[in-house]
Amino acid sequence: MINTNKKYVADFLNELSQAKIDEQIMSVLKTYLDGNIELKASSPFKPMQGCQEWISGLWGPLLKSFPDLQIQPYILLGGEYKETSCVSTTGNIIGTFSQDWLEIPKTDQPMWIRYAAHFVIENGKISKAWFFFDMLDVLRQAGFNFFPNRAIECVPPGPMTGDGVSLQDSDHEESKKSLELTANMLDGLGSYDGKSLESMGQERFWHEEKMMWYGPSGIGTTRGLKGFQKYHQVPFITAFPDRGITEKTDATQFAQFADGNYSCDFGFPAMYGTHLGDGWLGLKASGIKCYPRVVDFWRREGNKLVENWVFIDMIDMLGQLGIDVFGKLKTYRNE
């Protein structure tokens, strides 16, 4: 049976991808969005409200810089979180970078803008939306790499199984397994004793050899549990030894649900941590407490997680640590 909410968002993204002028975009937005839509996006975008601000603040400039853009989702999940209907998706926005965007100089080459989006659907319309863009990766593809990389930098692929977008209702028991496995894995991460990675027991939840962790630019992509620990987990724990999950109050933008053998976890912000250790992204410890915005998508095979697509609003997080990435870009361009 077709899942109404997933089809609704899939149709919205497809029609938005085809709309090429403001009048067409507005027609699509009015069809699918509540008139008072609340839109939040990763930095450097400001909060927006209403269809007109969606166009002027986000989509219009994006389309001007990438006039042939296409939205290509490779994961699309639907579910409920605290009696709220949600749809989350990730993939790439692909287009020719033919005009400067956010002061990033054009390349006249194809660009893969890695994105994640989370939608709340109320009364048959999208009432709230959040967009993540991997802006450091856009800068990387444009020739600017301001931070030393530990793991390999690439545009992550979609699921190995190619089944991340299904408009059908999923099996409830399979969804339950995925959600429980994800929740137990996250609990394991929180059980770190401050001394040994083994205290988190992550081998219970991941396929140790096949695991793929597709992190944001600045961190990169890792293979296997050992690779994940070496290139991401150890540097991050060293830098933020007190890291934890933010309290899920009414003011916190958060969702966690599963759809078949996929699951997702979204927070705006999702966690906290005090920058007490050196090395992460080549940075010296600042002593600053920050609150990263994060979204994860996982794919499960049997009783193990095998793939994980991760977004961190790196521009915002670095800004909290006192680093103005777009200021760095401006300085570099003016030299």
C-alpha atoms as a PDB file:
ATOM      1  CA  MET A   1       0.000   0.000   0.000  1.00  0.00           C
ATOM      2  CA  ILE A   2       1.295   3.464  -0.926  1.00  0.00           C
ATOM      3  CA  ASN A   3       2.335   5.569   2.053  1.00  0.00           C
ATOM      4  CA  THR A   4       0.513   8.865   1.577  1.00  0.00           C
ATOM      5  CA  ASN A   5       3.030  11.085   3.360  1.00  0.00           C
ATOM      6  CA  LYS A   6       6.066   9.620   1.615  1.00  0.00           C
ATOM      7  CA  LYS A   7       4.421   9.988  -1.782  1.00  0.00           C
ATOM      8  CA  TYR A   8       3.424  13.553  -0.893  1.00  0.00           C
ATOM      9  CA  VAL A   9       7.029  14.542  -0.141  1.00  0.00           C
ATOM     10  CA  ALA A  10       8.383  12.610  -3.141  1.00  0.00           C
ATOM     11  CA  ASP A  11       5.954  14.452  -5.431  1.00  0.00           C
ATOM     12  CA  PHE A  12       6.880  17.772  -3.811  1.00  0.00           C
ATOM     13  CA  LEU A  13      10.606  17.243  -4.365  1.00  0.00           C
ATOM     14  CA  ASN A  14      10.031  16.092  -7.933  1.00  0.00           C
ATOM     15  CA  GLU A  15       7.898  19.109  -8.828  1.00  0.00           C
ATOM     16  CA  LEU A  16      10.234  21.519  -7.023  1.00  0.00           C
ATOM     17  CA  SER A  17      13.122  20.041  -9.007  1.00  0.00           C
ATOM     18  CA  GLN A  18      11.311  20.829 -12.266  1.00  0.00           C
ATOM     19  CA  ALA A  19      10.226  24.387 -11.371  1.00  0.00           C
ATOM     20  CA  LYS A  20      12.659  26.860 -12.952  1.00  0.00           C
ATOM     21  CA  ILE A  21      11.138  30.317 -12.452  1.00  0.00           C
ATOM     22  CA  ASP A  22       9.709  32.063  -9.384  1.00  0.00           C
ATOM     23  CA  GLU A  23       6.093  31.694 -10.536  1.00  0.00           C
ATOM     24  CA  GLN A  24       6.489  27.951 -10.991  1.00  0.00           C
ATOM     25  CA  ILE A  25       8.253  27.584  -7.656  1.00  0.00           C
ATOM     26  CA  MET A  26       5.528  29.537  -5.872  1.00  0.00           C
ATOM     27  CA  SER A  27       2.855  27.353  -7.457  1.00  0.00           C
ATOM     28  CA  VAL A  28       4.599  24.207  -6.193  1.00  0.00           C
ATOM     29  CA  LEU A  29       5.120  25.652  -2.715  1.00  0.00           C
ATOM     30  CA  LYS A  30       1.497  26.750  -2.379  1.00  0.00           C
ATOM     31  CA  THR A  31       0.355  23.282  -3.419  1.00  0.00           C
ATOM     32  CA  TYR A  32       2.412  21.393  -0.840  1.00  0.00           C
ATOM     33  CA  LEU A  33       3.264  23.820   1.969  1.00  0.00           C
ATOM     34  CA  ASP A  34       1.228  25.421   4.694  1.00  0.00           C
ATOM     35  CA  GLY A  35       1.069  29.154   4.083  1.00  0.00           C
ATOM     36  CA  ASN A  36       2.927  29.799   7.335  1.00  0.00           C
ATOM     37  CA  ILE A  37       5.567  27.142   6.726  1.00  0.00           C
ATOM     38  CA  GLU A  38       8.492  27.359   9.159  1.00  0.00           C
ATOM     39  CA  LEU A  39      11.784  26.607   7.425  1.00  0.00           C
ATOM     40  CA  LYS A  40      15.155  26.255   9.115  1.00  0.00           C
ATOM     41  CA  ALA A  41      18.338  25.371   7.280  1.00  0.00           C
ATOM     42  CA  SER A  42      21.958  24.804   8.158  1.00  0.00           C
ATOM     43  CA  SER A  43      24.270  27.815   8.283  1.00  0.00           C
ATOM     44  CA  PRO A  44      24.676  30.317   6.735  1.00  0.00           C
ATOM     45  CA  PHE A  45      20.894  30.390   6.164  1.00  0.00           C
ATOM     46  CA  LYS A  46      18.600  32.241   8.566  1.00  0.00           C
ATOM     47  CA  PRO A  47      15.176  30.944   9.710  1.00  0.00           C
ATOM     48  CA  MET A  48      12.425  31.560   7.170  1.00  0.00           C
ATOM     49  CA  GLN A  49       8.642  31.645   7.323  1.00  0.00           C
ATOM     50  CA  GLY A  50       6.154  31.453   4.473  1.00  0.00           C
ATOM     51  CA  CYS A  51       6.522  30.537   0.821  1.00  0.00           C
ATOM     52  CA  GLN A  52       7.967  33.876  -0.280  1.00  0.00           C
ATOM     53  CA  GLU A  53      10.841  33.676   2.194  1.00  0.00           C
ATOM     54  CA  TRP A  54      11.497  30.098   1.048  1.00  0.00           C
ATOM     55  CA  ILE A  55      12.012  31.462  -2.470  1.00  0.00           C
ATOM     56  CA  SER A  56      13.953  34.609  -1.598  1.00  0.00           C
ATOM     57  CA  GLY A  57      16.004  33.162   1.221  1.00  0.00           C
ATOM     58  CA  LEU A  58      16.819  29.697  -0.115  1.00  0.00           C
ATOM     59  CA  TRP A  59      15.517  28.316  -3.364  1.00  0.00           C
ATOM     60  CA  GLY A  60      15.727  31.353  -5.650  1.00  0.00           C
ATOM     61  CA  PRO A  61      19.468  31.983  -5.088  1.00  0.00           C
ATOM     62  CA  LEU A  62      20.174  28.246  -5.287  1.00  0.00           C
ATOM     63  CA  LEU A  63      18.384  27.918  -8.615  1.00  0.00           C
ATOM     64  CA  LYS A  64      20.089  31.048  -9.967  1.00  0.00           C
ATOM     65  CA  SER A  65      23.491  29.491  -9.276  1.00  0.00           C
ATOM     66  CA  PHE A  66      22.475  25.990 -10.437  1.00  0.00           C
ATOM     67  CA  PRO A  67      19.858  26.615 -13.153  1.00  0.00           C
ATOM     68  CA  ASP A  68      19.774  22.961 -14.254  1.00  0.00           C
ATOM     69  CA  LEU A  69      19.535  21.554 -10.725  1.00  0.00           C
ATOM     70  CA  GLN A  70      17.882  18.226  -9.998  1.00  0.00           C
ATOM     71  CA  ILE A  71      16.930  16.859  -6.591  1.00  0.00           C
ATOM     72  CA  GLN A  72      17.972  13.213  -6.405  1.00  0.00           C
ATOM     73  CA  PRO A  73      16.929  11.556  -3.119  1.00  0.00           C
ATOM     74  CA  TYR A  74      18.324   8.117  -2.372  1.00  0.00           C
ATOM     75  CA  ILE A  75      16.691   7.658   1.049  1.00  0.00           C
ATOM     76  CA  LEU A  76      13.099   8.638   1.884  1.00  0.00           C
ATOM     77  CA  LEU A  77      11.602   7.572   5.214  1.00  0.00           C
ATOM     78  CA  GLY A  78       8.188   8.134   6.720  1.00  0.00           C
ATOM     79  CA  GLY A  79       7.074   7.625  10.302  1.00  0.00           C
ATOM     80  CA  GLU A  80       5.679   9.028  13.520  1.00  0.00           C
ATOM     81  CA  TYR A  81       7.491  10.761  16.359  1.00  0.00           C
ATOM     82  CA  LYS A  82       5.455  11.687  19.436  1.00  0.00           C
ATOM     83  CA  GLU A  83       2.229  11.538  17.391  1.00  0.00           C
ATOM     84  CA  THR A  84       3.707  13.834  14.738  1.00  0.00           C
ATOM     85  CA  SER A  85       3.831  12.683  11.113  1.00  0.00           C
ATOM     86  CA  CYS A  86       7.357  13.005   9.714  1.00  0.00           C
ATOM     87  CA  VAL A  87       9.193  12.368   6.470  1.00  0.00           C
ATOM     88  CA  SER A  88      12.992  12.513   6.276  1.00  0.00           C
ATOM     89  CA  THR A  89      15.100  12.277   3.152  1.00  0.00           C
ATOM     90  CA  THR A  90      18.680  12.551   1.979  1.00  0.00           C
ATOM     91  CA  GLY A  91      20.484  12.543  -1.329  1.00  0.00           C
ATOM     92  CA  ASN A  92      22.099  15.035  -3.674  1.00  0.00           C
ATOM     93  CA  ILE A  93      21.090  18.208  -5.438  1.00  0.00           C
ATOM     94  CA  ILE A  94      23.015  18.044  -8.703  1.00  0.00           C
ATOM     95  CA  GLY A  95      23.584  20.963 -11.056  1.00  0.00           C
ATOM     96  CA  THR A  96      26.117  22.984 -13.000  1.00  0.00           C
ATOM     97  CA  PHE A  97      27.681  25.622 -10.746  1.00  0.00           C
ATOM     98  CA  SER A  98      27.306  28.484 -13.224  1.00  0.00           C
ATOM     99  CA  GLN A  99      26.997  31.492 -10.894  1.00  0.00           C
ATOM    100  CA  ASP A 100      28.512  32.327  -7.483  1.00  0.00           C
ATOM    101  CA  TRP A 101      26.465  31.016  -4.538  1.00  0.00           C
ATOM    102  CA  LEU A 102      26.823  32.389  -1.013  1.00  0.00           C
ATOM    103  CA  GLU A 103      30.068  34.045  -2.171  1.00  0.00           C
ATOM    104  CA  ILE A 104      31.463  30.658  -3.213  1.00  0.00           C
ATOM    105  CA  PRO A 105      32.949  31.224  -6.688  1.00  0.00           C
ATOM    106  CA  LYS A 106      31.374  29.347  -9.551  1.00  0.00           C
ATOM    107  CA  THR A 107      33.242  26.487 -11.209  1.00  0.00           C
ATOM    108  CA  ASP A 108      31.151  25.971 -14.367  1.00  0.00           C
ATOM    109  CA  GLN A 109      31.393  22.287 -13.436  1.00  0.00           C
ATOM    110  CA  PRO A 110      28.845  19.808 -12.067  1.00  0.00           C
ATOM    111  CA  MET A 111      28.329  20.083  -8.301  1.00  0.00           C
ATOM    112  CA  TRP A 112      26.893  17.480  -5.949  1.00  0.00           C
ATOM    113  CA  ILE A 113      25.254  19.327  -3.046  1.00  0.00           C
ATOM    114  CA  ARG A 114      24.710  16.728  -0.385  1.00  0.00           C
ATOM    115  CA  TYR A 115      21.467  17.446   1.487  1.00  0.00           C
ATOM    116  CA  ALA A 116      19.175  16.077   4.172  1.00  0.00           C
ATOM    117  CA  ALA A 117      15.653  17.324   4.831  1.00  0.00           C
ATOM    118  CA  HIS A 118      13.094  16.687   7.537  1.00  0.00           C
ATOM    119  CA  PHE A 119       9.416  17.531   7.111  1.00  0.00           C
ATOM    120  CA  VAL A 120       6.483  17.664   9.504  1.00  0.00           C
ATOM    121  CA  ILE A 121       3.090  17.101   7.889  1.00  0.00           C
ATOM    122  CA  GLU A 122      -0.044  18.474   9.514  1.00  0.00           C
ATOM    123  CA  ASN A 123      -3.544  18.704   8.070  1.00  0.00           C
ATOM    124  CA  GLY A 124      -2.370  17.428   4.706  1.00  0.00           C
ATOM    125  CA  LYS A 125       0.368  20.062   4.267  1.00  0.00           C
ATOM    126  CA  ILE A 126       4.050  20.423   5.119  1.00  0.00           C
ATOM    127  CA  SER A 127       4.008  22.765   8.110  1.00  0.00           C
ATOM    128  CA  LYS A 128       7.683  22.668   9.157  1.00  0.00           C
ATOM    129  CA  ALA A 129      10.872  21.853   7.296  1.00  0.00           C
ATOM    130  CA  TRP A 130      14.584  21.627   8.071  1.00  0.00           C
ATOM    131  CA  PHE A 131      17.341  21.413   5.473  1.00  0.00           C
ATOM    132  CA  PHE A 132      20.962  20.415   5.985  1.00  0.00           C
ATOM    133  CA  PHE A 133      23.551  21.134   3.282  1.00  0.00           C
ATOM    134  CA  ASP A 134      27.122  19.861   3.474  1.00  0.00           C
ATOM    135  CA  MET A 135      28.562  23.321   2.863  1.00  0.00           C
ATOM    136  CA  LEU A 136      32.153  22.321   3.582  1.00  0.00           C
ATOM    137  CA  ASP A 137      31.831  19.790   0.776  1.00  0.00           C
ATOM    138  CA  VAL A 138      30.501  22.459  -1.590  1.00  0.00           C
ATOM    139  CA  LEU A 139      33.596  24.508  -0.706  1.00  0.00           C
ATOM    140  CA  ARG A 140      35.795  21.439  -1.231  1.00  0.00           C
ATOM    141  CA  GLN A 141      34.360  20.807  -4.681  1.00  0.00           C
ATOM    142  CA  ALA A 142      34.906  24.493  -5.483  1.00  0.00           C
ATOM    143  CA  GLY A 143      38.592  24.132  -4.562  1.00  0.00           C
ATOM    144  CA  PHE A 144      38.638  25.343  -0.939  1.00  0.00           C
ATOM    145  CA  ASN A 145      39.687  22.971   1.828  1.00  0.00           C
ATOM    146  CA  PHE A 146      40.336  24.895   5.037  1.00  0.00           C
ATOM    147  CA  PHE A 147      40.681  21.961   7.433  1.00  0.00           C
ATOM    148  CA  PRO A 148      43.024  18.928   7.344  1.00  0.00           C
ATOM    149  CA  ASN A 149      41.218  15.714   6.541  1.00  0.00           C
ATOM    150  CA  ARG A 150      41.706  12.464   8.402  1.00  0.00           C
ATOM    151  CA  ALA A 151      39.333  10.261   6.418  1.00  0.00           C
ATOM    152  CA  ILE A 152      38.818  10.220   2.656  1.00  0.00           C
ATOM    153  CA  GLU A 153      36.743  13.074   1.205  1.00  0.00           C
ATOM    154  CA  CYS A 154      34.123  12.098  -1.363  1.00  0.00           C
ATOM    155  CA  VAL A 155      30.478  12.613  -2.250  1.00  0.00           C
ATOM    156  CA  PRO A 156      28.898   9.629  -0.441  1.00  0.00           C
ATOM    157  CA  PRO A 157      26.885   7.156  -2.502  1.00  0.00           C
ATOM    158  CA  GLY A 158      23.349   6.003  -1.836  1.00  0.00           C
ATOM    159  CA  PRO A 159      22.522   2.680  -0.157  1.00  0.00           C
ATOM    160  CA  MET A 160      24.408  -0.342  -1.460  1.00  0.00           C
ATOM    161  CA  THR A 161      21.082  -2.128  -1.862  1.00  0.00           C
ATOM    162  CA  GLY A 162      19.464   0.677  -3.866  1.00  0.00           C
ATOM    163  CA  ASP A 163      16.245   0.388  -1.867  1.00  0.00           C
ATOM    164  CA  GLY A 164      16.315   3.617   0.127  1.00  0.00           C
ATOM    165  CA  VAL A 165      13.317   5.160  -1.625  1.00  0.00           C
ATOM    166  CA  SER A 166      10.127   3.140  -1.355  1.00  0.00           C
ATOM    167  CA  LEU A 167       6.670   4.685  -1.307  1.00  0.00           C
ATOM    168  CA  GLN A 168       5.124   1.540   0.151  1.00  0.00           C
ATOM    169  CA  ASP A 169       4.192   1.088   3.776  1.00  0.00           C
ATOM    170  CA  SER A 170       6.914  -0.860   5.544  1.00  0.00           C
ATOM    171  CA  ASP A 171       6.579  -3.879   7.794  1.00  0.00           C
ATOM    172  CA  HIS A 172       5.909  -2.653  11.329  1.00  0.00           C
ATOM    173  CA  GLU A 173       8.056  -5.348  12.946  1.00  0.00           C
ATOM    174  CA  GLU A 174      11.017  -4.535  10.693  1.00  0.00           C
ATOM    175  CA  SER A 175      10.691  -0.848  11.561  1.00  0.00           C
ATOM    176  CA  LYS A 176      10.559  -1.740  15.249  1.00  0.00           C
ATOM    177  CA  LYS A 177      13.783  -3.787  14.931  1.00  0.00           C
ATOM    178  CA  SER A 178      15.546  -0.897  13.221  1.00  0.00           C
ATOM    179  CA  LEU A 179      14.451   1.647  15.813  1.00  0.00           C
ATOM    180  CA  GLU A 180      15.426  -0.581  18.734  1.00  0.00           C
ATOM    181  CA  LEU A 181      18.834  -1.380  17.244  1.00  0.00           C
ATOM    182  CA  THR A 182      19.527   2.306  16.599  1.00  0.00           C
ATOM    183  CA  ALA A 183      18.401   3.322  20.097  1.00  0.00           C
ATOM    184  CA  ASN A 184      20.545   0.615  21.722  1.00  0.00           C
ATOM    185  CA  MET A 185      23.546   1.682  19.645  1.00  0.00           C
ATOM    186  CA  LEU A 186      23.111   5.310  20.720  1.00  0.00           C
ATOM    187  CA  ASP A 187      22.788   4.194  24.353  1.00  0.00           C
ATOM    188  CA  GLY A 188      26.058   2.332  23.885  1.00  0.00           C
ATOM    189  CA  LEU A 189      27.772   5.491  22.664  1.00  0.00           C
ATOM    190  CA  GLY A 190      26.570   7.200  25.824  1.00  0.00           C
ATOM    191  CA  SER A 191      28.093   4.524  28.067  1.00  0.00           C
ATOM    192  CA  TYR A 192      31.700   5.525  27.344  1.00  0.00           C
ATOM    193  CA  ASP A 193      33.744   5.216  30.544  1.00  0.00           C
ATOM    194  CA  GLY A 194      36.269   7.844  29.502  1.00  0.00           C
ATOM    195  CA  LYS A 195      39.015   5.267  29.103  1.00  0.00           C
ATOM    196  CA  SER A 196      38.264   2.521  26.588  1.00  0.00           C
ATOM    197  CA  LEU A 197      36.258   2.394  23.361  1.00  0.00           C
ATOM    198  CA  GLU A 198      35.290  -1.162  24.309  1.00  0.00           C
ATOM    199  CA  SER A 199      33.093   0.286  27.070  1.00  0.00           C
ATOM    200  CA  MET A 200      30.650   1.402  24.371  1.00  0.00           C
ATOM    201  CA  GLY A 201      30.281  -2.111  22.975  1.00  0.00           C
ATOM    202  CA  GLN A 202      29.715  -0.907  19.417  1.00  0.00           C
ATOM    203  CA  GLU A 203      30.673  -4.262  17.929  1.00  0.00           C
ATOM    204  CA  ARG A 204      27.274  -5.498  19.166  1.00  0.00           C
ATOM    205  CA  PHE A 205      25.469  -3.136  16.800  1.00  0.00           C
ATOM    206  CA  TRP A 206      27.637  -2.751  13.689  1.00  0.00           C
ATOM    207  CA  HIS A 207      28.884  -5.123  11.036  1.00  0.00           C
ATOM    208  CA  GLU A 208      32.541  -4.650  11.950  1.00  0.00           C
ATOM    209  CA  GLU A 209      34.019  -5.218   8.461  1.00  0.00           C
ATOM    210  CA  LYS A 210      31.282  -3.974   6.106  1.00  0.00           C
ATOM    211  CA  MET A 211      30.333  -0.872   8.061  1.00  0.00           C
ATOM    212  CA  MET A 212      30.365   2.350   6.018  1.00  0.00           C
ATOM    213  CA  TRP A 213      30.201   5.698   7.808  1.00  0.00           C
ATOM    214  CA  TYR A 214      29.542   8.589   5.424  1.00  0.00           C
ATOM    215  CA  GLY A 215      30.462  11.645   7.454  1.00  0.00           C
ATOM    216  CA  PRO A 216      30.341  15.351   6.611  1.00  0.00           C
ATOM    217  CA  SER A 217      33.177  17.075   4.805  1.00  0.00           C
ATOM    218  CA  GLY A 218      35.941  17.950   7.224  1.00  0.00           C
ATOM    219  CA  ILE A 219      35.677  14.462   8.697  1.00  0.00           C
ATOM    220  CA  GLY A 220      35.068  12.254   5.657  1.00  0.00           C
ATOM    221  CA  THR A 221      34.067   8.663   4.939  1.00  0.00           C
ATOM    222  CA  THR A 222      35.303   5.599   6.825  1.00  0.00           C
ATOM    223  CA  ARG A 223      35.187   1.833   6.298  1.00  0.00           C
ATOM    224  CA  GLY A 224      34.717  -0.747   9.043  1.00  0.00           C
ATOM    225  CA  LEU A 225      34.303  -0.214  12.772  1.00  0.00           C
ATOM    226  CA  LYS A 226      38.073   0.236  13.225  1.00  0.00           C
ATOM    227  CA  GLY A 227      38.155   2.885  10.518  1.00  0.00           C
ATOM    228  CA  PHE A 228      35.215   4.688  12.104  1.00  0.00           C
ATOM    229  CA  GLN A 229      36.943   4.674  15.477  1.00  0.00           C
ATOM    230  CA  LYS A 230      40.311   5.798  14.108  1.00  0.00           C
ATOM    231  CA  TYR A 231      39.167   8.582  11.801  1.00  0.00           C
ATOM    232  CA  HIS A 232      36.097   9.932  13.581  1.00  0.00           C
ATOM    233  CA  GLN A 233      35.252   8.549  16.995  1.00  0.00           C
ATOM    234  CA  VAL A 234      38.624   8.935  18.738  1.00  0.00           C
ATOM    235  CA  PRO A 235      39.306  12.466  17.410  1.00  0.00           C
ATOM    236  CA  PHE A 236      35.783  13.559  18.340  1.00  0.00           C
ATOM    237  CA  ILE A 237      35.809  12.044  21.834  1.00  0.00           C
ATOM    238  CA  THR A 238      39.248  13.553  22.440  1.00  0.00           C
ATOM    239  CA  ALA A 239      37.974  16.981  21.416  1.00  0.00           C
ATOM    240  CA  PHE A 240      34.597  16.721  23.190  1.00  0.00           C
ATOM    241  CA  PRO A 241      35.021  14.267  26.083  1.00  0.00           C
ATOM    242  CA  ASP A 242      31.786  15.343  27.804  1.00  0.00           C
ATOM    243  CA  ARG A 243      29.636  15.045  24.676  1.00  0.00           C
ATOM    244  CA  GLY A 244      26.033  14.015  25.185  1.00  0.00           C
ATOM    245  CA  ILE A 245      22.499  14.228  23.815  1.00  0.00           C
ATOM    246  CA  THR A 246      20.554  17.447  24.336  1.00  0.00           C
ATOM    247  CA  GLU A 247      17.447  17.264  26.476  1.00  0.00           C
ATOM    248  CA  LYS A 248      14.384  16.662  24.335  1.00  0.00           C
ATOM    249  CA  THR A 249      12.230  19.520  25.553  1.00  0.00           C
ATOM    250  CA  ASP A 250       9.389  21.113  23.619  1.00  0.00           C
ATOM    251  CA  ALA A 251      11.826  23.774  22.424  1.00  0.00           C
ATOM    252  CA  THR A 252      14.196  21.173  20.957  1.00  0.00           C
ATOM    253  CA  GLN A 253      13.747  20.341  17.298  1.00  0.00           C
ATOM    254  CA  PHE A 254      14.106  16.565  17.361  1.00  0.00           C
ATOM    255  CA  ALA A 255      12.741  13.380  15.770  1.00  0.00           C
ATOM    256  CA  GLN A 256      13.663   9.703  15.791  1.00  0.00           C
ATOM    257  CA  PHE A 257      11.821   6.999  13.847  1.00  0.00           C
ATOM    258  CA  ALA A 258      12.322   3.995  11.569  1.00  0.00           C
ATOM    259  CA  ASP A 259      10.889   2.802   8.275  1.00  0.00           C
ATOM    260  CA  GLY A 260      11.585  -0.842   7.437  1.00  0.00           C
ATOM    261  CA  ASN A 261      15.316  -1.532   7.662  1.00  0.00           C
ATOM    262  CA  TYR A 262      16.132   2.188   7.737  1.00  0.00           C
ATOM    263  CA  SER A 263      16.080   4.599  10.650  1.00  0.00           C
ATOM    264  CA  CYS A 264      16.903   8.257  11.243  1.00  0.00           C
ATOM    265  CA  ASP A 265      17.644  10.622  14.084  1.00  0.00           C
ATOM    266  CA  PHE A 266      17.399  14.391  13.718  1.00  0.00           C
ATOM    267  CA  GLY A 267      18.166  17.219  16.107  1.00  0.00           C
ATOM    268  CA  PHE A 268      18.468  20.973  15.650  1.00  0.00           C
ATOM    269  CA  PRO A 269      20.511  20.834  17.897  1.00  0.00           C
ATOM    270  CA  ALA A 270      21.001  17.159  18.708  1.00  0.00           C
ATOM    271  CA  MET A 271      23.893  17.113  21.180  1.00  0.00           C
ATOM    272  CA  TYR A 272      26.326  19.151  23.234  1.00  0.00           C
ATOM    273  CA  GLY A 273      30.018  19.014  24.001  1.00  0.00           C
ATOM    274  CA  THR A 274      32.787  21.153  25.445  1.00  0.00           C
ATOM    275  CA  HIS A 275      35.828  21.625  23.204  1.00  0.00           C
ATOM    276  CA  LEU A 276      38.508  20.418  25.623  1.00  0.00           C
ATOM    277  CA  GLY A 277      40.924  18.474  23.410  1.00  0.00           C
ATOM    278  CA  ASP A 278      43.228  19.278  20.476  1.00  0.00           C
ATOM    279  CA  GLY A 279      43.237  17.809  16.995  1.00  0.00           C
ATOM    280  CA  TRP A 280      39.672  17.655  15.695  1.00  0.00           C
ATOM    281  CA  LEU A 281      39.739  19.365  12.267  1.00  0.00           C
ATOM    282  CA  GLY A 282      43.251  20.442  13.197  1.00  0.00           C
ATOM    283  CA  LEU A 283      41.942  22.771  15.901  1.00  0.00           C
ATOM    284  CA  LYS A 284      43.359  23.617  19.303  1.00  0.00           C
ATOM    285  CA  ALA A 285      41.007  23.190  22.264  1.00  0.00           C
ATOM    286  CA  SER A 286      38.965  26.332  22.898  1.00  0.00           C
ATOM    287  CA  GLY A 287      37.095  25.386  26.080  1.00  0.00           C
ATOM    288  CA  ILE A 288      33.841  26.445  24.415  1.00  0.00           C
ATOM    289  CA  LYS A 289      30.648  24.429  24.905  1.00  0.00           C
ATOM    290  CA  CYS A 290      28.759  24.009  21.651  1.00  0.00           C
ATOM    291  CA  TYR A 291      25.517  22.462  20.484  1.00  0.00           C
ATOM    292  CA  PRO A 292      25.868  20.713  17.094  1.00  0.00           C
ATOM    293  CA  ARG A 293      22.946  20.238  14.744  1.00  0.00           C
ATOM    294  CA  VAL A 294      23.028  16.651  13.498  1.00  0.00           C
ATOM    295  CA  VAL A 295      21.014  14.222  11.391  1.00  0.00           C
ATOM    296  CA  ASP A 296      21.776  10.520  10.861  1.00  0.00           C
ATOM    297  CA  PHE A 297      20.327   7.895   8.542  1.00  0.00           C
ATOM    298  CA  TRP A 298      21.105   4.201   9.114  1.00  0.00           C
ATOM    299  CA  ARG A 299      20.566   1.011   7.101  1.00  0.00           C
ATOM    300  CA  ARG A 300      20.225  -2.318   8.911  1.00  0.00           C
ATOM    301  CA  GLU A 301      20.978  -5.808   7.638  1.00  0.00           C
ATOM    302  CA  GLY A 302      19.631  -8.482   9.944  1.00  0.00           C
ATOM    303  CA  ASN A 303      20.761  -7.593  13.461  1.00  0.00           C
ATOM    304  CA  LYS A 304      23.552  -5.204  12.449  1.00  0.00           C
ATOM    305  CA  LEU A 305      23.851  -1.670  11.129  1.00  0.00           C
ATOM    306  CA  VAL A 306      25.904  -1.513   7.941  1.00  0.00           C
ATOM    307  CA  GLU A 307      25.608   2.031   6.549  1.00  0.00           C
ATOM    308  CA  ASN A 308      25.319   5.439   8.217  1.00  0.00           C
ATOM    309  CA  TRP A 309      24.869   8.792   6.467  1.00  0.00           C
ATOM    310  CA  VAL A 310      25.779  11.649   8.816  1.00  0.00           C
ATOM    311  CA  PHE A 311      25.258  15.397   8.583  1.00  0.00           C
ATOM    312  CA  ILE A 312      26.634  17.947  11.022  1.00  0.00           C
ATOM    313  CA  ASP A 313      26.013  21.640  10.456  1.00  0.00           C
ATOM    314  CA  MET A 314      29.755  22.240  10.396  1.00  0.00           C
ATOM    315  CA  ILE A 315      29.494  25.931   9.512  1.00  0.00           C
ATOM    316  CA  ASP A 316      27.317  26.547  12.574  1.00  0.00           C
ATOM    317  CA  MET A 317      29.427  24.353  14.854  1.00  0.00           C
ATOM    318  CA  LEU A 318      32.660  26.016  13.763  1.00  0.00           C
ATOM    319  CA  GLY A 319      30.978  29.380  14.227  1.00  0.00           C
ATOM    320  CA  GLN A 320      30.150  28.434  17.808  1.00  0.00           C
ATOM    321  CA  LEU A 321      33.858  27.682  18.242  1.00  0.00           C
ATOM    322  CA  GLY A 322      34.721  31.152  16.952  1.00  0.00           C
ATOM    323  CA  ILE A 323      35.692  30.170  13.393  1.00  0.00           C
ATOM    324  CA  ASP A 324      34.018  32.076  10.547  1.00  0.00           C
ATOM    325  CA  VAL A 325      34.334  29.749   7.549  1.00  0.00           C
ATOM    326  CA  PHE A 326      32.825  32.189   5.078  1.00  0.00           C
ATOM    327  CA  GLY A 327      35.074  34.888   6.515  1.00  0.00           C
ATOM    328  CA  LYS A 328      38.005  32.607   5.723  1.00  0.00           C
ATOM    329  CA  LEU A 329      36.669  32.235   2.183  1.00  0.00           C
ATOM    330  CA  LYS A 330      36.369  36.003   1.754  1.00  0.00           C
ATOM    331  CA  THR A 331      39.897  36.566   3.065  1.00  0.00           C
ATOM    332  CA  TYR A 332      41.284  33.873   0.771  1.00  0.00           C
ATOM    333  CA  ARG A 333      39.529  35.336  -2.280  1.00  0.00           C
ATOM    334  CA  ASN A 334      40.827  38.831  -1.513  1.00  0.00           C
ATOM    335  CA  GLU A 335      44.442  37.779  -1.099  1.00  0.00           C
END
